[in-house]
Amino acid sequence: MLYQTSRRRSTTTKRFLPLVPAGVACVLVVMQFEVPTFLANMAHAAAAPLWDVRDAVHAHYEDSKLADIEHDRLIDERVALTEELATLRRENYSVSILKDDNERLRKALGRAERETGLIPAAVLHDNAREPYGTMVIDVGADRGVRESMLVTTTDGAALGTVVRALDEHSVVYLFTSHSSRINALLAGSSTLSVMLEGHGAGSMEMRLPRSVHVTVGDAVLLTTFPTYPVGYVAAVQSEPEDAFHTIYVTPPMNSYSVRYVLVDTVHQVELLQPEADESAGLNQGEVTE
């Protein structure tokens, strides 16, 4: 019995014997005792492996914790995406059923789908970067776009006319462009046939006899389709020696911010040639019914 007890004590002593130098070094450092250099070096050398093991264990623990957090996040994200996909599939199925029912009812009632004659388009290149007051849209001849077709905003304001229809794109010339000339109607106290001229930078103007009463806010409309406004009178200027008013017109929208337009395949607008000004007899205040 005494032999076994002595053997166990010896084994325990051998186990803790390597930790004695490290413990002594730590105690000396804490107590701020001055120790010989060789003893401090021995203590650091003995404790360095323990510090390395501690750092390795801590790093492994942190990596494992981050991996667990990322794993849980991916699981939650997968569950959320699965639920969203299921919801979209149910909505798609419901829309498909409603569409089929609507098609059957439309055919049963003999209601044909009405063609609006409007082709939606996106602006690819606007006049904010184009010195000639044109914009390029993403529909062309393959969608039925032709030259001279009217281009409007989505709110129904006349914007310009197609001057070139390519296969998949079209070039639109704005009514506010410099030297643009179109026939228009001034809807004021009376309806007047006028020639509206663009001056660039989003402005237009026309000249009328001073005898014609013009008020700020009067609408300027297209002659081909008067429900499309081209602009509104912003100012009226006249000089005492001049027999004509100069009327400044602004469009109902900022053409620089337009991103989507409609191409009217029914109505067309022809730009007037500069040499046709006098022969056309425009801007003389002719009253129309």
C-alpha atoms as a PDB file:
ATOM      1  CA  MET A   1       0.000   0.000   0.000  1.00  0.00           C
ATOM      2  CA  LEU A   2       2.804   2.412   0.905  1.00  0.00           C
ATOM      3  CA  TYR A   3       4.550   1.551  -2.353  1.00  0.00           C
ATOM      4  CA  GLN A   4       1.456   2.396  -4.432  1.00  0.00           C
ATOM      5  CA  THR A   5       0.965   5.671  -2.599  1.00  0.00           C
ATOM      6  CA  SER A   6       4.595   6.639  -3.084  1.00  0.00           C
ATOM      7  CA  ARG A   7       4.373   5.717  -6.758  1.00  0.00           C
ATOM      8  CA  ARG A   8       1.305   7.916  -7.298  1.00  0.00           C
ATOM      9  CA  ARG A   9       3.021  10.870  -5.614  1.00  0.00           C
ATOM     10  CA  SER A  10       6.051  10.389  -7.828  1.00  0.00           C
ATOM     11  CA  THR A  11       3.887  10.291 -10.964  1.00  0.00           C
ATOM     12  CA  THR A  12       2.017  13.467  -9.926  1.00  0.00           C
ATOM     13  CA  THR A  13       5.286  15.218  -9.228  1.00  0.00           C
ATOM     14  CA  LYS A  14       6.651  14.319 -12.654  1.00  0.00           C
ATOM     15  CA  ARG A  15       3.482  15.672 -14.343  1.00  0.00           C
ATOM     16  CA  PHE A  16       3.662  19.097 -12.734  1.00  0.00           C
ATOM     17  CA  LEU A  17       7.429  19.397 -12.728  1.00  0.00           C
ATOM     18  CA  PRO A  18       7.625  21.039 -16.253  1.00  0.00           C
ATOM     19  CA  LEU A  19       5.184  23.740 -15.136  1.00  0.00           C
ATOM     20  CA  VAL A  20       7.336  24.858 -12.224  1.00  0.00           C
ATOM     21  CA  PRO A  21       9.717  27.113 -14.260  1.00  0.00           C
ATOM     22  CA  ALA A  22       6.819  28.836 -16.001  1.00  0.00           C
ATOM     23  CA  GLY A  23       5.056  29.376 -12.703  1.00  0.00           C
ATOM     24  CA  VAL A  24       8.145  30.784 -11.102  1.00  0.00           C
ATOM     25  CA  ALA A  25       8.704  33.164 -14.030  1.00  0.00           C
ATOM     26  CA  CYS A  26       5.141  34.387 -13.861  1.00  0.00           C
ATOM     27  CA  VAL A  27       5.338  34.973 -10.127  1.00  0.00           C
ATOM     28  CA  LEU A  28       8.581  36.889 -10.477  1.00  0.00           C
ATOM     29  CA  VAL A  29       7.169  39.090 -13.223  1.00  0.00           C
ATOM     30  CA  VAL A  30       4.064  39.843 -11.188  1.00  0.00           C
ATOM     31  CA  MET A  31       6.045  40.632  -8.084  1.00  0.00           C
ATOM     32  CA  GLN A  32       8.372  42.799 -10.193  1.00  0.00           C
ATOM     33  CA  PHE A  33      11.413  41.162  -8.711  1.00  0.00           C
ATOM     34  CA  GLU A  34      14.690  41.653 -10.434  1.00  0.00           C
ATOM     35  CA  VAL A  35      15.995  38.325 -11.636  1.00  0.00           C
ATOM     36  CA  PRO A  36      19.139  37.379 -13.470  1.00  0.00           C
ATOM     37  CA  THR A  37      18.998  37.627 -17.239  1.00  0.00           C
ATOM     38  CA  PHE A  38      19.654  33.930 -17.799  1.00  0.00           C
ATOM     39  CA  LEU A  39      16.796  32.997 -15.478  1.00  0.00           C
ATOM     40  CA  ALA A  40      14.381  35.360 -17.254  1.00  0.00           C
ATOM     41  CA  ASN A  41      15.411  33.922 -20.596  1.00  0.00           C
ATOM     42  CA  MET A  42      14.850  30.406 -19.303  1.00  0.00           C
ATOM     43  CA  ALA A  43      11.420  31.387 -18.020  1.00  0.00           C
ATOM     44  CA  HIS A  44      10.415  32.985 -21.334  1.00  0.00           C
ATOM     45  CA  ALA A  45      11.674  29.984 -23.261  1.00  0.00           C
ATOM     46  CA  ALA A  46       9.682  27.651 -21.031  1.00  0.00           C
ATOM     47  CA  ALA A  47       6.495  29.750 -21.270  1.00  0.00           C
ATOM     48  CA  ALA A  48       6.640  30.494 -25.025  1.00  0.00           C
ATOM     49  CA  PRO A  49       5.186  27.105 -26.098  1.00  0.00           C
ATOM     50  CA  LEU A  50       2.303  27.589 -23.682  1.00  0.00           C
ATOM     51  CA  TRP A  51       1.518  31.007 -25.160  1.00  0.00           C
ATOM     52  CA  ASP A  52       1.625  29.577 -28.687  1.00  0.00           C
ATOM     53  CA  VAL A  53      -0.778  26.827 -27.695  1.00  0.00           C
ATOM     54  CA  ARG A  54      -3.079  29.385 -26.093  1.00  0.00           C
ATOM     55  CA  ASP A  55      -3.079  31.581 -29.229  1.00  0.00           C
ATOM     56  CA  ALA A  56      -3.716  28.579 -31.476  1.00  0.00           C
ATOM     57  CA  VAL A  57      -6.641  27.413 -29.345  1.00  0.00           C
ATOM     58  CA  HIS A  58      -8.128  30.921 -29.259  1.00  0.00           C
ATOM     59  CA  ALA A  59      -7.810  31.368 -33.027  1.00  0.00           C
ATOM     60  CA  HIS A  60      -9.394  27.983 -33.653  1.00  0.00           C
ATOM     61  CA  TYR A  61     -12.252  28.883 -31.331  1.00  0.00           C
ATOM     62  CA  GLU A  62     -12.883  32.201 -33.085  1.00  0.00           C
ATOM     63  CA  ASP A  63     -12.779  30.564 -36.521  1.00  0.00           C
ATOM     64  CA  SER A  64     -15.222  27.904 -35.382  1.00  0.00           C
ATOM     65  CA  LYS A  65     -17.545  30.535 -33.939  1.00  0.00           C
ATOM     66  CA  LEU A  66     -17.494  32.572 -37.175  1.00  0.00           C
ATOM     67  CA  ALA A  67     -18.075  29.440 -39.231  1.00  0.00           C
ATOM     68  CA  ASP A  68     -21.091  28.546 -37.090  1.00  0.00           C
ATOM     69  CA  ILE A  69     -22.515  32.070 -37.449  1.00  0.00           C
ATOM     70  CA  GLU A  70     -22.042  32.025 -41.253  1.00  0.00           C
ATOM     71  CA  HIS A  71     -23.583  28.567 -41.455  1.00  0.00           C
ATOM     72  CA  ASP A  72     -26.644  29.689 -39.501  1.00  0.00           C
ATOM     73  CA  ARG A  73     -26.963  32.812 -41.673  1.00  0.00           C
ATOM     74  CA  LEU A  74     -26.851  30.768 -44.873  1.00  0.00           C
ATOM     75  CA  ILE A  75     -29.482  28.405 -43.516  1.00  0.00           C
ATOM     76  CA  ASP A  76     -31.792  31.318 -42.618  1.00  0.00           C
ATOM     77  CA  GLU A  77     -31.219  32.921 -46.032  1.00  0.00           C
ATOM     78  CA  ARG A  78     -31.998  29.653 -47.796  1.00  0.00           C
ATOM     79  CA  VAL A  79     -35.232  29.272 -45.854  1.00  0.00           C
ATOM     80  CA  ALA A  80     -36.261  32.859 -46.682  1.00  0.00           C
ATOM     81  CA  LEU A  81     -35.464  32.422 -50.384  1.00  0.00           C
ATOM     82  CA  THR A  82     -37.343  29.138 -50.493  1.00  0.00           C
ATOM     83  CA  GLU A  83     -40.424  30.782 -48.986  1.00  0.00           C
ATOM     84  CA  GLU A  84     -40.155  33.738 -51.397  1.00  0.00           C
ATOM     85  CA  LEU A  85     -39.828  31.387 -54.364  1.00  0.00           C
ATOM     86  CA  ALA A  86     -42.886  29.473 -53.242  1.00  0.00           C
ATOM     87  CA  THR A  87     -44.848  32.727 -52.921  1.00  0.00           C
ATOM     88  CA  LEU A  88     -43.817  33.870 -56.410  1.00  0.00           C
ATOM     89  CA  ARG A  89     -44.797  30.510 -57.880  1.00  0.00           C
ATOM     90  CA  ARG A  90     -48.233  30.763 -56.289  1.00  0.00           C
ATOM     91  CA  GLU A  91     -48.665  34.324 -57.591  1.00  0.00           C
ATOM     92  CA  ASN A  92     -47.514  33.320 -61.056  1.00  0.00           C
ATOM     93  CA  TYR A  93     -49.965  30.443 -61.071  1.00  0.00           C
ATOM     94  CA  SER A  94     -52.795  32.747 -59.962  1.00  0.00           C
ATOM     95  CA  VAL A  95     -51.943  35.339 -62.632  1.00  0.00           C
ATOM     96  CA  SER A  96     -51.822  32.633 -65.281  1.00  0.00           C
ATOM     97  CA  ILE A  97     -55.283  31.386 -64.281  1.00  0.00           C
ATOM     98  CA  LEU A  98     -56.702  34.923 -64.251  1.00  0.00           C
ATOM     99  CA  LYS A  99     -55.188  35.641 -67.642  1.00  0.00           C
ATOM    100  CA  ASP A 100     -56.705  32.492 -69.136  1.00  0.00           C
ATOM    101  CA  ASP A 101     -60.104  33.317 -67.612  1.00  0.00           C
ATOM    102  CA  ASN A 102     -59.924  36.869 -68.955  1.00  0.00           C
ATOM    103  CA  GLU A 103     -59.044  35.591 -72.423  1.00  0.00           C
ATOM    104  CA  ARG A 104     -61.985  33.177 -72.409  1.00  0.00           C
ATOM    105  CA  LEU A 105     -64.392  35.878 -71.232  1.00  0.00           C
ATOM    106  CA  ARG A 106     -63.113  38.349 -73.829  1.00  0.00           C
ATOM    107  CA  LYS A 107     -63.664  35.836 -76.606  1.00  0.00           C
ATOM    108  CA  ALA A 108     -67.076  34.856 -75.249  1.00  0.00           C
ATOM    109  CA  LEU A 109     -68.185  38.505 -75.203  1.00  0.00           C
ATOM    110  CA  GLY A 110     -66.681  39.219 -78.607  1.00  0.00           C
ATOM    111  CA  ARG A 111     -64.431  41.942 -77.253  1.00  0.00           C
ATOM    112  CA  ALA A 112     -61.376  42.367 -79.451  1.00  0.00           C
ATOM    113  CA  GLU A 113     -58.263  43.894 -77.926  1.00  0.00           C
ATOM    114  CA  ARG A 114     -58.094  47.571 -78.786  1.00  0.00           C
ATOM    115  CA  GLU A 115     -54.974  48.856 -80.478  1.00  0.00           C
ATOM    116  CA  THR A 116     -53.846  52.182 -79.036  1.00  0.00           C
ATOM    117  CA  GLY A 117     -51.380  52.937 -81.814  1.00  0.00           C
ATOM    118  CA  LEU A 118     -48.766  53.902 -79.208  1.00  0.00           C
ATOM    119  CA  ILE A 119     -45.393  52.193 -79.019  1.00  0.00           C
ATOM    120  CA  PRO A 120     -43.558  52.596 -75.691  1.00  0.00           C
ATOM    121  CA  ALA A 121     -39.840  53.310 -75.900  1.00  0.00           C
ATOM    122  CA  ALA A 122     -36.902  54.149 -73.668  1.00  0.00           C
ATOM    123  CA  VAL A 123     -34.549  57.061 -74.299  1.00  0.00           C
ATOM    124  CA  LEU A 124     -31.018  55.837 -75.007  1.00  0.00           C
ATOM    125  CA  HIS A 125     -29.339  59.142 -75.772  1.00  0.00           C
ATOM    126  CA  ASP A 126     -30.950  62.393 -74.757  1.00  0.00           C
ATOM    127  CA  ASN A 127     -30.448  66.001 -75.732  1.00  0.00           C
ATOM    128  CA  ALA A 128     -28.575  66.775 -72.527  1.00  0.00           C
ATOM    129  CA  ARG A 129     -25.482  65.501 -74.314  1.00  0.00           C
ATOM    130  CA  GLU A 130     -26.581  66.123 -77.910  1.00  0.00           C
ATOM    131  CA  PRO A 131     -25.962  69.639 -79.305  1.00  0.00           C
ATOM    132  CA  TYR A 132     -28.500  69.264 -82.104  1.00  0.00           C
ATOM    133  CA  GLY A 133     -31.501  68.651 -79.875  1.00  0.00           C
ATOM    134  CA  THR A 134     -32.146  65.030 -80.775  1.00  0.00           C
ATOM    135  CA  MET A 135     -32.659  61.878 -78.770  1.00  0.00           C
ATOM    136  CA  VAL A 136     -32.287  58.216 -79.660  1.00  0.00           C
ATOM    137  CA  ILE A 137     -34.964  55.733 -78.586  1.00  0.00           C
ATOM    138  CA  ASP A 138     -34.813  51.935 -78.445  1.00  0.00           C
ATOM    139  CA  VAL A 139     -37.533  51.114 -81.010  1.00  0.00           C
ATOM    140  CA  GLY A 140     -37.221  51.252 -84.764  1.00  0.00           C
ATOM    141  CA  ALA A 141     -38.574  50.021 -88.059  1.00  0.00           C
ATOM    142  CA  ASP A 142     -38.835  46.467 -86.761  1.00  0.00           C
ATOM    143  CA  ARG A 143     -41.564  47.683 -84.383  1.00  0.00           C
ATOM    144  CA  GLY A 144     -43.381  49.737 -87.018  1.00  0.00           C
ATOM    145  CA  VAL A 145     -41.764  53.122 -86.387  1.00  0.00           C
ATOM    146  CA  ARG A 146     -41.626  55.384 -89.441  1.00  0.00           C
ATOM    147  CA  GLU A 147     -40.322  58.871 -90.159  1.00  0.00           C
ATOM    148  CA  SER A 148     -42.518  61.863 -89.217  1.00  0.00           C
ATOM    149  CA  MET A 149     -44.341  59.896 -86.503  1.00  0.00           C
ATOM    150  CA  LEU A 150     -45.192  61.956 -83.441  1.00  0.00           C
ATOM    151  CA  VAL A 151     -43.297  61.244 -80.224  1.00  0.00           C
ATOM    152  CA  THR A 152     -44.907  62.181 -76.908  1.00  0.00           C
ATOM    153  CA  THR A 153     -44.170  61.851 -73.227  1.00  0.00           C
ATOM    154  CA  THR A 154     -46.008  59.261 -71.172  1.00  0.00           C
ATOM    155  CA  ASP A 155     -48.187  62.142 -69.891  1.00  0.00           C
ATOM    156  CA  GLY A 156     -49.356  63.023 -73.409  1.00  0.00           C
ATOM    157  CA  ALA A 157     -47.231  66.095 -74.158  1.00  0.00           C
ATOM    158  CA  ALA A 158     -45.894  66.473 -77.700  1.00  0.00           C
ATOM    159  CA  LEU A 159     -42.128  66.095 -77.600  1.00  0.00           C
ATOM    160  CA  GLY A 160     -40.831  65.764 -81.153  1.00  0.00           C
ATOM    161  CA  THR A 161     -40.987  63.819 -84.391  1.00  0.00           C
ATOM    162  CA  VAL A 162     -39.075  60.845 -85.802  1.00  0.00           C
ATOM    163  CA  VAL A 163     -36.551  62.003 -88.383  1.00  0.00           C
ATOM    164  CA  ARG A 164     -34.808  58.675 -88.904  1.00  0.00           C
ATOM    165  CA  ALA A 165     -36.056  55.130 -88.271  1.00  0.00           C
ATOM    166  CA  LEU A 166     -33.346  52.467 -88.108  1.00  0.00           C
ATOM    167  CA  ASP A 167     -33.936  48.755 -87.670  1.00  0.00           C
ATOM    168  CA  GLU A 168     -33.903  48.739 -83.869  1.00  0.00           C
ATOM    169  CA  HIS A 169     -33.502  52.434 -82.975  1.00  0.00           C
ATOM    170  CA  SER A 170     -34.915  55.783 -84.035  1.00  0.00           C
ATOM    171  CA  VAL A 171     -33.719  59.386 -83.955  1.00  0.00           C
ATOM    172  CA  VAL A 172     -36.202  61.932 -82.600  1.00  0.00           C
ATOM    173  CA  TYR A 173     -35.928  65.648 -83.375  1.00  0.00           C
ATOM    174  CA  LEU A 174     -37.329  67.741 -80.522  1.00  0.00           C
ATOM    175  CA  PHE A 175     -39.691  70.653 -81.117  1.00  0.00           C
ATOM    176  CA  THR A 176     -37.484  72.760 -78.825  1.00  0.00           C
ATOM    177  CA  SER A 177     -34.442  72.090 -81.006  1.00  0.00           C
ATOM    178  CA  HIS A 178     -32.744  75.025 -82.648  1.00  0.00           C
ATOM    179  CA  SER A 179     -34.333  75.882 -86.045  1.00  0.00           C
ATOM    180  CA  SER A 180     -37.217  73.432 -85.523  1.00  0.00           C
ATOM    181  CA  ARG A 181     -40.393  74.808 -87.150  1.00  0.00           C
ATOM    182  CA  ILE A 182     -43.894  73.326 -86.956  1.00  0.00           C
ATOM    183  CA  ASN A 183     -47.460  74.458 -87.520  1.00  0.00           C
ATOM    184  CA  ALA A 184     -49.310  74.895 -84.232  1.00  0.00           C
ATOM    185  CA  LEU A 185     -52.446  76.357 -82.684  1.00  0.00           C
ATOM    186  CA  LEU A 186     -52.464  79.073 -80.049  1.00  0.00           C
ATOM    187  CA  ALA A 187     -55.478  78.371 -77.834  1.00  0.00           C
ATOM    188  CA  GLY A 188     -56.179  81.708 -76.168  1.00  0.00           C
ATOM    189  CA  SER A 189     -59.142  84.030 -76.382  1.00  0.00           C
ATOM    190  CA  SER A 190     -59.331  82.835 -79.980  1.00  0.00           C
ATOM    191  CA  THR A 191     -57.675  79.985 -81.847  1.00  0.00           C
ATOM    192  CA  LEU A 192     -54.804  81.117 -84.034  1.00  0.00           C
ATOM    193  CA  SER A 193     -52.724  79.238 -86.590  1.00  0.00           C
ATOM    194  CA  VAL A 194     -49.098  79.984 -85.807  1.00  0.00           C
ATOM    195  CA  MET A 195     -45.622  78.821 -86.662  1.00  0.00           C
ATOM    196  CA  LEU A 196     -43.712  77.657 -83.605  1.00  0.00           C
ATOM    197  CA  GLU A 197     -39.927  77.811 -83.778  1.00  0.00           C
ATOM    198  CA  GLY A 198     -37.510  76.068 -81.455  1.00  0.00           C
ATOM    199  CA  HIS A 199     -34.530  77.926 -80.061  1.00  0.00           C
ATOM    200  CA  GLY A 200     -32.760  75.165 -78.153  1.00  0.00           C
ATOM    201  CA  ALA A 201     -32.234  74.830 -74.402  1.00  0.00           C
ATOM    202  CA  GLY A 202     -35.859  73.785 -73.954  1.00  0.00           C
ATOM    203  CA  SER A 203     -37.452  76.963 -75.327  1.00  0.00           C
ATOM    204  CA  MET A 204     -39.617  77.964 -78.294  1.00  0.00           C
ATOM    205  CA  GLU A 205     -40.998  81.219 -79.599  1.00  0.00           C
ATOM    206  CA  MET A 206     -43.364  82.736 -82.150  1.00  0.00           C
ATOM    207  CA  ARG A 207     -44.175  86.208 -83.433  1.00  0.00           C
ATOM    208  CA  LEU A 208     -47.691  87.596 -83.743  1.00  0.00           C
ATOM    209  CA  PRO A 209     -49.167  91.042 -84.522  1.00  0.00           C
ATOM    210  CA  ARG A 210     -49.559  93.245 -81.458  1.00  0.00           C
ATOM    211  CA  SER A 211     -53.266  93.403 -82.147  1.00  0.00           C
ATOM    212  CA  VAL A 212     -53.556  89.738 -81.161  1.00  0.00           C
ATOM    213  CA  HIS A 213     -54.264  89.350 -77.466  1.00  0.00           C
ATOM    214  CA  VAL A 214     -51.962  86.766 -75.894  1.00  0.00           C
ATOM    215  CA  THR A 215     -51.953  85.839 -72.198  1.00  0.00           C
ATOM    216  CA  VAL A 216     -49.276  84.062 -70.194  1.00  0.00           C
ATOM    217  CA  GLY A 217     -50.438  80.482 -69.702  1.00  0.00           C
ATOM    218  CA  ASP A 218     -52.200  80.136 -73.072  1.00  0.00           C
ATOM    219  CA  ALA A 219     -51.730  76.644 -74.492  1.00  0.00           C
ATOM    220  CA  VAL A 220     -49.964  75.887 -77.758  1.00  0.00           C
ATOM    221  CA  LEU A 221     -51.289  72.729 -79.411  1.00  0.00           C
ATOM    222  CA  LEU A 222     -50.550  70.602 -82.444  1.00  0.00           C
ATOM    223  CA  THR A 223     -52.680  71.315 -85.498  1.00  0.00           C
ATOM    224  CA  THR A 224     -52.821  67.627 -86.437  1.00  0.00           C
ATOM    225  CA  PHE A 225     -54.055  66.490 -83.026  1.00  0.00           C
ATOM    226  CA  PRO A 226     -55.024  69.377 -80.704  1.00  0.00           C
ATOM    227  CA  THR A 227     -55.213  67.218 -77.581  1.00  0.00           C
ATOM    228  CA  TYR A 228     -51.395  67.084 -77.556  1.00  0.00           C
ATOM    229  CA  PRO A 229     -49.965  70.249 -75.909  1.00  0.00           C
ATOM    230  CA  VAL A 230     -46.616  71.432 -77.245  1.00  0.00           C
ATOM    231  CA  GLY A 231     -46.124  74.099 -74.612  1.00  0.00           C
ATOM    232  CA  TYR A 232     -47.531  77.099 -72.779  1.00  0.00           C
ATOM    233  CA  VAL A 233     -46.927  80.815 -73.150  1.00  0.00           C
ATOM    234  CA  ALA A 234     -44.300  81.826 -70.595  1.00  0.00           C
ATOM    235  CA  ALA A 235     -43.772  85.489 -71.534  1.00  0.00           C
ATOM    236  CA  VAL A 236     -44.878  88.114 -74.053  1.00  0.00           C
ATOM    237  CA  GLN A 237     -42.373  90.741 -75.148  1.00  0.00           C
ATOM    238  CA  SER A 238     -42.877  93.703 -77.480  1.00  0.00           C
ATOM    239  CA  GLU A 239     -40.978  96.843 -78.331  1.00  0.00           C
ATOM    240  CA  PRO A 240     -42.738 100.195 -78.895  1.00  0.00           C
ATOM    241  CA  GLU A 241     -41.421 100.456 -82.453  1.00  0.00           C
ATOM    242  CA  ASP A 242     -42.174  96.811 -83.263  1.00  0.00           C
ATOM    243  CA  ALA A 243     -45.535  95.832 -84.781  1.00  0.00           C
ATOM    244  CA  PHE A 244     -45.228  92.235 -83.530  1.00  0.00           C
ATOM    245  CA  HIS A 245     -45.193  90.440 -80.198  1.00  0.00           C
ATOM    246  CA  THR A 246     -42.428  87.970 -79.440  1.00  0.00           C
ATOM    247  CA  ILE A 247     -44.076  85.141 -77.500  1.00  0.00           C
ATOM    248  CA  TYR A 248     -41.866  82.757 -75.558  1.00  0.00           C
ATOM    249  CA  VAL A 249     -43.180  79.234 -75.098  1.00  0.00           C
ATOM    250  CA  THR A 250     -41.946  76.578 -72.682  1.00  0.00           C
ATOM    251  CA  PRO A 251     -42.780  72.864 -72.981  1.00  0.00           C
ATOM    252  CA  PRO A 252     -44.919  71.259 -70.260  1.00  0.00           C
ATOM    253  CA  MET A 253     -42.014  69.000 -69.230  1.00  0.00           C
ATOM    254  CA  ASN A 254     -38.263  69.109 -68.842  1.00  0.00           C
ATOM    255  CA  SER A 255     -37.018  67.287 -71.919  1.00  0.00           C
ATOM    256  CA  TYR A 256     -33.660  66.676 -70.247  1.00  0.00           C
ATOM    257  CA  SER A 257     -35.295  64.415 -67.650  1.00  0.00           C
ATOM    258  CA  VAL A 258     -37.468  62.376 -70.030  1.00  0.00           C
ATOM    259  CA  ARG A 259     -36.517  58.695 -69.908  1.00  0.00           C
ATOM    260  CA  TYR A 260     -39.547  57.017 -71.465  1.00  0.00           C
ATOM    261  CA  VAL A 261     -41.653  58.138 -74.449  1.00  0.00           C
ATOM    262  CA  LEU A 262     -44.499  56.951 -76.676  1.00  0.00           C
ATOM    263  CA  VAL A 263     -44.390  56.810 -80.464  1.00  0.00           C
ATOM    264  CA  ASP A 264     -47.776  57.667 -81.989  1.00  0.00           C
ATOM    265  CA  THR A 265     -48.128  55.544 -85.118  1.00  0.00           C
ATOM    266  CA  VAL A 266     -51.378  57.300 -86.105  1.00  0.00           C
ATOM    267  CA  HIS A 267     -50.442  60.989 -86.083  1.00  0.00           C
ATOM    268  CA  GLN A 268     -47.580  62.540 -88.010  1.00  0.00           C
ATOM    269  CA  VAL A 269     -45.863  65.912 -87.744  1.00  0.00           C
ATOM    270  CA  GLU A 270     -43.909  67.386 -90.632  1.00  0.00           C
ATOM    271  CA  LEU A 271     -41.133  69.844 -89.870  1.00  0.00           C
ATOM    272  CA  LEU A 272     -41.328  73.035 -91.927  1.00  0.00           C
ATOM    273  CA  GLN A 273     -38.475  73.961 -94.209  1.00  0.00           C
ATOM    274  CA  PRO A 274     -36.822  77.347 -93.496  1.00  0.00           C
ATOM    275  CA  GLU A 275     -37.504  78.675 -96.995  1.00  0.00           C
ATOM    276  CA  ALA A 276     -41.230  78.089 -96.589  1.00  0.00           C
ATOM    277  CA  ASP A 277     -41.680  80.789 -93.932  1.00  0.00           C
ATOM    278  CA  GLU A 278     -42.987  83.638 -96.061  1.00  0.00           C
ATOM    279  CA  SER A 279     -44.820  81.534 -98.655  1.00  0.00           C
ATOM    280  CA  ALA A 280     -46.769  79.761 -95.950  1.00  0.00           C
ATOM    281  CA  GLY A 281     -48.062  83.064 -94.583  1.00  0.00           C
ATOM    282  CA  LEU A 282     -47.605  81.914 -90.996  1.00  0.00           C
ATOM    283  CA  ASN A 283     -47.748  83.862 -87.747  1.00  0.00           C
ATOM    284  CA  GLN A 284     -50.091  86.477 -89.169  1.00  0.00           C
ATOM    285  CA  GLY A 285     -52.771  85.815 -86.565  1.00  0.00           C
ATOM    286  CA  GLU A 286     -55.216  84.064 -88.857  1.00  0.00           C
ATOM    287  CA  VAL A 287     -58.262  83.044 -86.868  1.00  0.00           C
ATOM    288  CA  THR A 288     -59.473  79.491 -87.426  1.00  0.00           C
ATOM    289  CA  GLU A 289     -62.695  77.909 -86.439  1.00  0.00           C
END
